[in-house]
Amino acid sequence: MLDTMSSLELFADSARTHIDLSVRVVHGTPASVRVRNRFSSNLHEIVTCSSQGAFVTSWGYRLGTVDDIEAAAGRLAYLLAALPA
């Protein structure tokens, strides 16, 4: 069985490599990662991890899977107009 909390922690670590993003893991139900662009109050997103291992935004966009967490975090960074460190 997939440990979604561990997957979200790894996703958050990958998202933190993008210097323009502020990242916070929320240990709630459901667990999520809150990500925002430090320079724009309009650019923010909440990401969850499905039981199938897909990272999904609050508006239903599938960023990727636990098989390639860095790519999923990079896709979110692109959507939030963030630069890599």
PDB file of N, CA and C in Angstrom:
ATOM      1  N   MET A   1       0.834  -1.187   0.000  1.00  0.00           N
ATOM      2  CA  MET A   1       0.000   0.000   0.000  1.00  0.00           C
ATOM      3  C   MET A   1       0.884   1.258   0.000  1.00  0.00           C
ATOM      4  N   LEU A   2       0.483   2.234  -0.756  1.00  0.00           N
ATOM      5  CA  LEU A   2       1.236   3.472  -0.917  1.00  0.00           C
ATOM      6  C   LEU A   2       1.128   4.347   0.331  1.00  0.00           C
ATOM      7  N   ASP A   3       2.260   4.841   0.811  1.00  0.00           N
ATOM      8  CA  ASP A   3       2.276   5.785   1.928  1.00  0.00           C
ATOM      9  C   ASP A   3       2.185   7.198   1.343  1.00  0.00           C
ATOM     10  N   THR A   4       0.973   7.741   1.276  1.00  0.00           N
ATOM     11  CA  THR A   4       0.773   9.038   0.625  1.00  0.00           C
ATOM     12  C   THR A   4       1.454  10.172   1.385  1.00  0.00           C
ATOM     13  N   MET A   5       1.541  10.067   2.713  1.00  0.00           N
ATOM     14  CA  MET A   5       2.185  11.134   3.482  1.00  0.00           C
ATOM     15  C   MET A   5       3.672  11.222   3.144  1.00  0.00           C
ATOM     16  N   SER A   6       4.341  10.080   3.065  1.00  0.00           N
ATOM     17  CA  SER A   6       5.756  10.076   2.675  1.00  0.00           C
ATOM     18  C   SER A   6       5.936  10.623   1.266  1.00  0.00           C
ATOM     19  N   SER A   7       5.024  10.262   0.386  1.00  0.00           N
ATOM     20  CA  SER A   7       5.092  10.757  -0.994  1.00  0.00           C
ATOM     21  C   SER A   7       4.919  12.270  -1.034  1.00  0.00           C
ATOM     22  N   LEU A   8       4.011  12.795  -0.225  1.00  0.00           N
ATOM     23  CA  LEU A   8       3.818  14.251  -0.170  1.00  0.00           C
ATOM     24  C   LEU A   8       5.033  14.954   0.422  1.00  0.00           C
ATOM     25  N   GLU A   9       5.673  14.341   1.403  1.00  0.00           N
ATOM     26  CA  GLU A   9       6.897  14.915   1.979  1.00  0.00           C
ATOM     27  C   GLU A   9       7.997  14.994   0.912  1.00  0.00           C
ATOM     28  N   LEU A  10       8.140  13.936   0.126  1.00  0.00           N
ATOM     29  CA  LEU A  10       9.135  13.936  -0.948  1.00  0.00           C
ATOM     30  C   LEU A  10       8.784  14.964  -2.020  1.00  0.00           C
ATOM     31  N   PHE A  11       7.496  15.088  -2.321  1.00  0.00           N
ATOM     32  CA  PHE A  11       7.052  16.100  -3.280  1.00  0.00           C
ATOM     33  C   PHE A  11       7.404  17.494  -2.764  1.00  0.00           C
ATOM     34  N   ALA A  12       7.144  17.740  -1.492  1.00  0.00           N
ATOM     35  CA  ALA A  12       7.452  19.045  -0.898  1.00  0.00           C
ATOM     36  C   ALA A  12       8.955  19.330  -0.968  1.00  0.00           C
ATOM     37  N   ASP A  13       9.774  18.330  -0.677  1.00  0.00           N
ATOM     38  CA  ASP A  13      11.226  18.511  -0.767  1.00  0.00           C
ATOM     39  C   ASP A  13      11.650  18.885  -2.181  1.00  0.00           C
ATOM     40  N   SER A  14      11.054  18.232  -3.161  1.00  0.00           N
ATOM     41  CA  SER A  14      11.384  18.550  -4.559  1.00  0.00           C
ATOM     42  C   SER A  14      10.890  19.943  -4.939  1.00  0.00           C
ATOM     43  N   ALA A  15       9.722  20.325  -4.467  1.00  0.00           N
ATOM     44  CA  ALA A  15       9.193  21.654  -4.780  1.00  0.00           C
ATOM     45  C   ALA A  15      10.053  22.745  -4.152  1.00  0.00           C
ATOM     46  N   ARG A  16      10.653  22.457  -3.008  1.00  0.00           N
ATOM     47  CA  ARG A  16      11.502  23.449  -2.328  1.00  0.00           C
ATOM     48  C   ARG A  16      12.774  23.762  -3.096  1.00  0.00           C
ATOM     49  N   THR A  17      13.140  22.946  -4.073  1.00  0.00           N
ATOM     50  CA  THR A  17      14.330  23.241  -4.864  1.00  0.00           C
ATOM     51  C   THR A  17      14.103  24.404  -5.824  1.00  0.00           C
ATOM     52  N   HIS A  18      12.869  24.844  -5.943  1.00  0.00           N
ATOM     53  CA  HIS A  18      12.531  25.992  -6.786  1.00  0.00           C
ATOM     54  C   HIS A  18      12.469  27.216  -5.884  1.00  0.00           C
ATOM     55  N   ILE A  19      13.404  28.140  -6.083  1.00  0.00           N
ATOM     56  CA  ILE A  19      13.620  29.228  -5.131  1.00  0.00           C
ATOM     57  C   ILE A  19      12.447  30.188  -4.998  1.00  0.00           C
ATOM     58  N   ASP A  20      11.581  30.248  -5.974  1.00  0.00           N
ATOM     59  CA  ASP A  20      10.451  31.174  -5.916  1.00  0.00           C
ATOM     60  C   ASP A  20       9.255  30.610  -5.152  1.00  0.00           C
ATOM     61  N   LEU A  21       9.330  29.356  -4.711  1.00  0.00           N
ATOM     62  CA  LEU A  21       8.183  28.729  -4.079  1.00  0.00           C
ATOM     63  C   LEU A  21       8.314  28.654  -2.559  1.00  0.00           C
ATOM     64  N   SER A  22       7.212  28.894  -1.909  1.00  0.00           N
ATOM     65  CA  SER A  22       7.078  28.665  -0.476  1.00  0.00           C
ATOM     66  C   SER A  22       6.233  27.402  -0.333  1.00  0.00           C
ATOM     67  N   VAL A  23       6.723  26.433   0.436  1.00  0.00           N
ATOM     68  CA  VAL A  23       6.093  25.111   0.495  1.00  0.00           C
ATOM     69  C   VAL A  23       5.813  24.737   1.944  1.00  0.00           C
ATOM     70  N   ARG A  24       4.594  24.217   2.172  1.00  0.00           N
ATOM     71  CA  ARG A  24       4.212  23.771   3.523  1.00  0.00           C
ATOM     72  C   ARG A  24       3.410  22.486   3.413  1.00  0.00           C
ATOM     73  N   VAL A  25       3.806  21.480   4.192  1.00  0.00           N
ATOM     74  CA  VAL A  25       3.068  20.217   4.253  1.00  0.00           C
ATOM     75  C   VAL A  25       1.996  20.355   5.322  1.00  0.00           C
ATOM     76  N   VAL A  26       0.768  19.964   4.987  1.00  0.00           N
ATOM     77  CA  VAL A  26      -0.359  20.041   5.915  1.00  0.00           C
ATOM     78  C   VAL A  26      -0.761  18.618   6.284  1.00  0.00           C
ATOM     79  N   HIS A  27      -0.634  18.296   7.566  1.00  0.00           N
ATOM     80  CA  HIS A  27      -0.970  16.954   8.063  1.00  0.00           C
ATOM     81  C   HIS A  27      -2.423  16.932   8.493  1.00  0.00           C
ATOM     82  N   GLY A  28      -3.320  16.942   7.554  1.00  0.00           N
ATOM     83  CA  GLY A  28      -4.749  16.922   7.846  1.00  0.00           C
ATOM     84  C   GLY A  28      -5.418  15.787   7.103  1.00  0.00           C
ATOM     85  N   THR A  29      -6.712  15.913   6.957  1.00  0.00           N
ATOM     86  CA  THR A  29      -7.466  14.929   6.187  1.00  0.00           C
ATOM     87  C   THR A  29      -8.187  15.667   5.075  1.00  0.00           C
ATOM     88  N   PRO A  30      -7.781  15.565   3.849  1.00  0.00           N
ATOM     89  CA  PRO A  30      -6.629  14.794   3.401  1.00  0.00           C
ATOM     90  C   PRO A  30      -5.335  15.574   3.612  1.00  0.00           C
ATOM     91  N   ALA A  31      -4.247  14.848   3.718  1.00  0.00           N
ATOM     92  CA  ALA A  31      -2.934  15.488   3.794  1.00  0.00           C
ATOM     93  C   ALA A  31      -2.674  16.185   2.465  1.00  0.00           C
ATOM     94  N   SER A  32      -1.944  17.289   2.527  1.00  0.00           N
ATOM     95  CA  SER A  32      -1.695  18.041   1.299  1.00  0.00           C
ATOM     96  C   SER A  32      -0.404  18.840   1.422  1.00  0.00           C
ATOM     97  N   VAL A  33      -0.007  19.407   0.309  1.00  0.00           N
ATOM     98  CA  VAL A  33       1.126  20.324   0.256  1.00  0.00           C
ATOM     99  C   VAL A  33       0.590  21.645  -0.284  1.00  0.00           C
ATOM    100  N   ARG A  34       0.803  22.702   0.464  1.00  0.00           N
ATOM    101  CA  ARG A  34       0.398  24.037   0.024  1.00  0.00           C
ATOM    102  C   ARG A  34       1.620  24.739  -0.534  1.00  0.00           C
ATOM    103  N   VAL A  35       1.492  25.196  -1.763  1.00  0.00           N
ATOM    104  CA  VAL A  35       2.615  25.809  -2.463  1.00  0.00           C
ATOM    105  C   VAL A  35       2.165  27.150  -3.005  1.00  0.00           C
ATOM    106  N   ARG A  36       3.032  28.162  -2.839  1.00  0.00           N
ATOM    107  CA  ARG A  36       2.717  29.469  -3.406  1.00  0.00           C
ATOM    108  C   ARG A  36       3.987  30.102  -3.957  1.00  0.00           C
ATOM    109  N   ASN A  37       3.790  30.950  -4.943  1.00  0.00           N
ATOM    110  CA  ASN A  37       4.880  31.736  -5.487  1.00  0.00           C
ATOM    111  C   ASN A  37       5.112  32.884  -4.512  1.00  0.00           C
ATOM    112  N   ARG A  38       6.340  33.056  -4.058  1.00  0.00           N
ATOM    113  CA  ARG A  38       6.668  34.086  -3.057  1.00  0.00           C
ATOM    114  C   ARG A  38       6.389  35.509  -3.552  1.00  0.00           C
ATOM    115  N   PHE A  39       6.314  35.683  -4.856  1.00  0.00           N
ATOM    116  CA  PHE A  39       6.206  37.013  -5.419  1.00  0.00           C
ATOM    117  C   PHE A  39       4.817  37.350  -5.961  1.00  0.00           C
ATOM    118  N   SER A  40       3.856  36.453  -5.780  1.00  0.00           N
ATOM    119  CA  SER A  40       2.509  36.702  -6.284  1.00  0.00           C
ATOM    120  C   SER A  40       1.483  36.026  -5.379  1.00  0.00           C
ATOM    121  N   SER A  41       0.572  36.797  -4.858  1.00  0.00           N
ATOM    122  CA  SER A  41      -0.479  36.226  -4.009  1.00  0.00           C
ATOM    123  C   SER A  41      -1.506  35.444  -4.832  1.00  0.00           C
ATOM    124  N   ASN A  42      -1.497  35.640  -6.140  1.00  0.00           N
ATOM    125  CA  ASN A  42      -2.438  34.937  -7.010  1.00  0.00           C
ATOM    126  C   ASN A  42      -1.964  33.544  -7.422  1.00  0.00           C
ATOM    127  N   LEU A  43      -0.677  33.294  -7.318  1.00  0.00           N
ATOM    128  CA  LEU A  43      -0.115  32.021  -7.771  1.00  0.00           C
ATOM    129  C   LEU A  43       0.103  31.092  -6.578  1.00  0.00           C
ATOM    130  N   HIS A  44      -0.870  30.225  -6.338  1.00  0.00           N
ATOM    131  CA  HIS A  44      -0.782  29.278  -5.228  1.00  0.00           C
ATOM    132  C   HIS A  44      -1.577  28.029  -5.583  1.00  0.00           C
ATOM    133  N   GLU A  45      -1.250  26.942  -4.918  1.00  0.00           N
ATOM    134  CA  GLU A  45      -1.917  25.680  -5.213  1.00  0.00           C
ATOM    135  C   GLU A  45      -1.840  24.743  -4.021  1.00  0.00           C
ATOM    136  N   ILE A  46      -2.825  23.859  -3.933  1.00  0.00           N
ATOM    137  CA  ILE A  46      -2.849  22.792  -2.941  1.00  0.00           C
ATOM    138  C   ILE A  46      -2.761  21.477  -3.707  1.00  0.00           C
ATOM    139  N   VAL A  47      -1.798  20.637  -3.315  1.00  0.00           N
ATOM    140  CA  VAL A  47      -1.567  19.368  -4.002  1.00  0.00           C
ATOM    141  C   VAL A  47      -1.831  18.221  -3.034  1.00  0.00           C
ATOM    142  N   THR A  48      -2.564  17.225  -3.495  1.00  0.00           N
ATOM    143  CA  THR A  48      -2.788  16.004  -2.732  1.00  0.00           C
ATOM    144  C   THR A  48      -2.195  14.836  -3.498  1.00  0.00           C
ATOM    145  N   CYS A  49      -2.132  13.692  -2.831  1.00  0.00           N
ATOM    146  CA  CYS A  49      -1.642  12.475  -3.480  1.00  0.00           C
ATOM    147  C   CYS A  49      -2.738  11.426  -3.391  1.00  0.00           C
ATOM    148  N   SER A  50      -3.149  10.902  -4.532  1.00  0.00           N
ATOM    149  CA  SER A  50      -4.207   9.893  -4.553  1.00  0.00           C
ATOM    150  C   SER A  50      -3.664   8.549  -4.082  1.00  0.00           C
ATOM    151  N   SER A  51      -4.551   7.649  -3.753  1.00  0.00           N
ATOM    152  CA  SER A  51      -4.136   6.313  -3.309  1.00  0.00           C
ATOM    153  C   SER A  51      -3.469   5.528  -4.440  1.00  0.00           C
ATOM    154  N   GLN A  52      -3.652   5.981  -5.688  1.00  0.00           N
ATOM    155  CA  GLN A  52      -2.984   5.361  -6.838  1.00  0.00           C
ATOM    156  C   GLN A  52      -1.605   5.958  -7.086  1.00  0.00           C
ATOM    157  N   GLY A  53      -1.216   6.981  -6.296  1.00  0.00           N
ATOM    158  CA  GLY A  53       0.115   7.565  -6.435  1.00  0.00           C
ATOM    159  C   GLY A  53       0.209   8.742  -7.378  1.00  0.00           C
ATOM    160  N   ALA A  54      -0.903   9.399  -7.653  1.00  0.00           N
ATOM    161  CA  ALA A  54      -0.890  10.572  -8.538  1.00  0.00           C
ATOM    162  C   ALA A  54      -0.956  11.851  -7.710  1.00  0.00           C
ATOM    163  N   PHE A  55      -0.136  12.818  -8.054  1.00  0.00           N
ATOM    164  CA  PHE A  55      -0.191  14.145  -7.432  1.00  0.00           C
ATOM    165  C   PHE A  55      -1.203  14.975  -8.201  1.00  0.00           C
ATOM    166  N   VAL A  56      -2.189  15.525  -7.496  1.00  0.00           N
ATOM    167  CA  VAL A  56      -3.305  16.212  -8.136  1.00  0.00           C
ATOM    168  C   VAL A  56      -3.494  17.584  -7.493  1.00  0.00           C
ATOM    169  N   THR A  57      -3.701  18.601  -8.319  1.00  0.00           N
ATOM    170  CA  THR A  57      -3.951  19.950  -7.806  1.00  0.00           C
ATOM    171  C   THR A  57      -5.385  20.071  -7.319  1.00  0.00           C
ATOM    172  N   SER A  58      -5.680  21.162  -6.642  1.00  0.00           N
ATOM    173  CA  SER A  58      -7.030  21.382  -6.114  1.00  0.00           C
ATOM    174  C   SER A  58      -8.060  21.523  -7.226  1.00  0.00           C
ATOM    175  N   TRP A  59      -7.636  21.873  -8.428  1.00  0.00           N
ATOM    176  CA  TRP A  59      -8.582  21.999  -9.539  1.00  0.00           C
ATOM    177  C   TRP A  59      -8.570  20.775 -10.456  1.00  0.00           C
ATOM    178  N   GLY A  60      -7.944  19.678  -9.968  1.00  0.00           N
ATOM    179  CA  GLY A  60      -8.034  18.407 -10.671  1.00  0.00           C
ATOM    180  C   GLY A  60      -6.959  18.116 -11.701  1.00  0.00           C
ATOM    181  N   TYR A  61      -5.955  18.959 -11.808  1.00  0.00           N
ATOM    182  CA  TYR A  61      -4.878  18.727 -12.778  1.00  0.00           C
ATOM    183  C   TYR A  61      -3.902  17.704 -12.218  1.00  0.00           C
ATOM    184  N   ARG A  62      -3.616  16.681 -12.986  1.00  0.00           N
ATOM    185  CA  ARG A  62      -2.688  15.624 -12.569  1.00  0.00           C
ATOM    186  C   ARG A  62      -1.269  16.049 -12.930  1.00  0.00           C
ATOM    187  N   LEU A  63      -0.444  16.277 -11.912  1.00  0.00           N
ATOM    188  CA  LEU A  63       0.920  16.749 -12.112  1.00  0.00           C
ATOM    189  C   LEU A  63       1.878  15.628 -12.493  1.00  0.00           C
ATOM    190  N   GLY A  64       1.632  14.442 -12.015  1.00  0.00           N
ATOM    191  CA  GLY A  64       2.514  13.303 -12.251  1.00  0.00           C
ATOM    192  C   GLY A  64       2.290  12.272 -11.170  1.00  0.00           C
ATOM    193  N   THR A  65       3.209  11.320 -11.081  1.00  0.00           N
ATOM    194  CA  THR A  65       3.044  10.223 -10.128  1.00  0.00           C
ATOM    195  C   THR A  65       4.262  10.110  -9.214  1.00  0.00           C
ATOM    196  N   VAL A  66       4.137   9.219  -8.248  1.00  0.00           N
ATOM    197  CA  VAL A  66       5.234   8.974  -7.312  1.00  0.00           C
ATOM    198  C   VAL A  66       6.427   8.318  -8.003  1.00  0.00           C
ATOM    199  N   ASP A  67       6.242   7.832  -9.225  1.00  0.00           N
ATOM    200  CA  ASP A  67       7.345   7.244  -9.983  1.00  0.00           C
ATOM    201  C   ASP A  67       8.364   8.285 -10.422  1.00  0.00           C
ATOM    202  N   ASP A  68       7.953   9.540 -10.540  1.00  0.00           N
ATOM    203  CA  ASP A  68       8.861  10.629 -10.918  1.00  0.00           C
ATOM    204  C   ASP A  68       8.429  11.909 -10.187  1.00  0.00           C
ATOM    205  N   ILE A  69       8.743  11.962  -8.915  1.00  0.00           N
ATOM    206  CA  ILE A  69       8.319  13.068  -8.063  1.00  0.00           C
ATOM    207  C   ILE A  69       8.932  14.389  -8.499  1.00  0.00           C
ATOM    208  N   GLU A  70      10.195  14.363  -8.899  1.00  0.00           N
ATOM    209  CA  GLU A  70      10.857  15.601  -9.332  1.00  0.00           C
ATOM    210  C   GLU A  70      10.156  16.219 -10.539  1.00  0.00           C
ATOM    211  N   ALA A  71       9.728  15.386 -11.475  1.00  0.00           N
ATOM    212  CA  ALA A  71       9.027  15.900 -12.653  1.00  0.00           C
ATOM    213  C   ALA A  71       7.680  16.495 -12.264  1.00  0.00           C
ATOM    214  N   ALA A  72       6.980  15.857 -11.332  1.00  0.00           N
ATOM    215  CA  ALA A  72       5.687  16.373 -10.883  1.00  0.00           C
ATOM    216  C   ALA A  72       5.868  17.729 -10.187  1.00  0.00           C
ATOM    217  N   ALA A  73       6.881  17.839  -9.334  1.00  0.00           N
ATOM    218  CA  ALA A  73       7.150  19.111  -8.653  1.00  0.00           C
ATOM    219  C   ALA A  73       7.594  20.178  -9.656  1.00  0.00           C
ATOM    220  N   GLY A  74       8.365  19.778 -10.644  1.00  0.00           N
ATOM    221  CA  GLY A  74       8.790  20.716 -11.685  1.00  0.00           C
ATOM    222  C   GLY A  74       7.622  21.229 -12.500  1.00  0.00           C
ATOM    223  N   ARG A  75       6.656  20.361 -12.765  1.00  0.00           N
ATOM    224  CA  ARG A  75       5.467  20.774 -13.511  1.00  0.00           C
ATOM    225  C   ARG A  75       4.677  21.814 -12.714  1.00  0.00           C
ATOM    226  N   LEU A  76       4.563  21.600 -11.397  1.00  0.00           N
ATOM    227  CA  LEU A  76       3.870  22.581 -10.557  1.00  0.00           C
ATOM    228  C   LEU A  76       4.646  23.899 -10.530  1.00  0.00           C
ATOM    229  N   ALA A  77       5.958  23.820 -10.419  1.00  0.00           N
ATOM    230  CA  ALA A  77       6.768  25.038 -10.424  1.00  0.00           C
ATOM    231  C   ALA A  77       6.563  25.821 -11.720  1.00  0.00           C
ATOM    232  N   TYR A  78       6.495  25.114 -12.839  1.00  0.00           N
ATOM    233  CA  TYR A  78       6.249  25.767 -14.114  1.00  0.00           C
ATOM    234  C   TYR A  78       4.885  26.471 -14.104  1.00  0.00           C
ATOM    235  N   LEU A  79       3.854  25.776 -13.583  1.00  0.00           N
ATOM    236  CA  LEU A  79       2.523  26.376 -13.527  1.00  0.00           C
ATOM    237  C   LEU A  79       2.477  27.601 -12.631  1.00  0.00           C
ATOM    238  N   LEU A  80       3.323  27.619 -11.603  1.00  0.00           N
ATOM    239  CA  LEU A  80       3.358  28.751 -10.670  1.00  0.00           C
ATOM    240  C   LEU A  80       4.454  29.755 -11.014  1.00  0.00           C
ATOM    241  N   ALA A  81       5.011  29.639 -12.201  1.00  0.00           N
ATOM    242  CA  ALA A  81       6.012  30.571 -12.712  1.00  0.00           C
ATOM    243  C   ALA A  81       7.215  30.702 -11.804  1.00  0.00           C
ATOM    244  N   ALA A  82       7.729  29.558 -11.318  1.00  0.00           N
ATOM    245  CA  ALA A  82       8.877  29.557 -10.411  1.00  0.00           C
ATOM    246  C   ALA A  82      10.135  29.094 -11.133  1.00  0.00           C
ATOM    247  N   LEU A  83      11.273  29.539 -10.632  1.00  0.00           N
ATOM    248  CA  LEU A  83      12.556  29.190 -11.214  1.00  0.00           C
ATOM    249  C   LEU A  83      13.262  28.149 -10.355  1.00  0.00           C
ATOM    250  N   PRO A  84      14.049  27.261 -10.972  1.00  0.00           N
ATOM    251  CA  PRO A  84      14.842  26.323 -10.166  1.00  0.00           C
ATOM    252  C   PRO A  84      15.963  27.051  -9.437  1.00  0.00           C
ATOM    253  N   ALA A  85      16.416  26.468  -8.341  1.00  0.00           N
ATOM    254  CA  ALA A  85      17.503  27.085  -7.561  1.00  0.00           C
ATOM    255  C   ALA A  85      18.798  27.024  -8.319  1.00  0.00           C
TER     256      ALA A  85
END
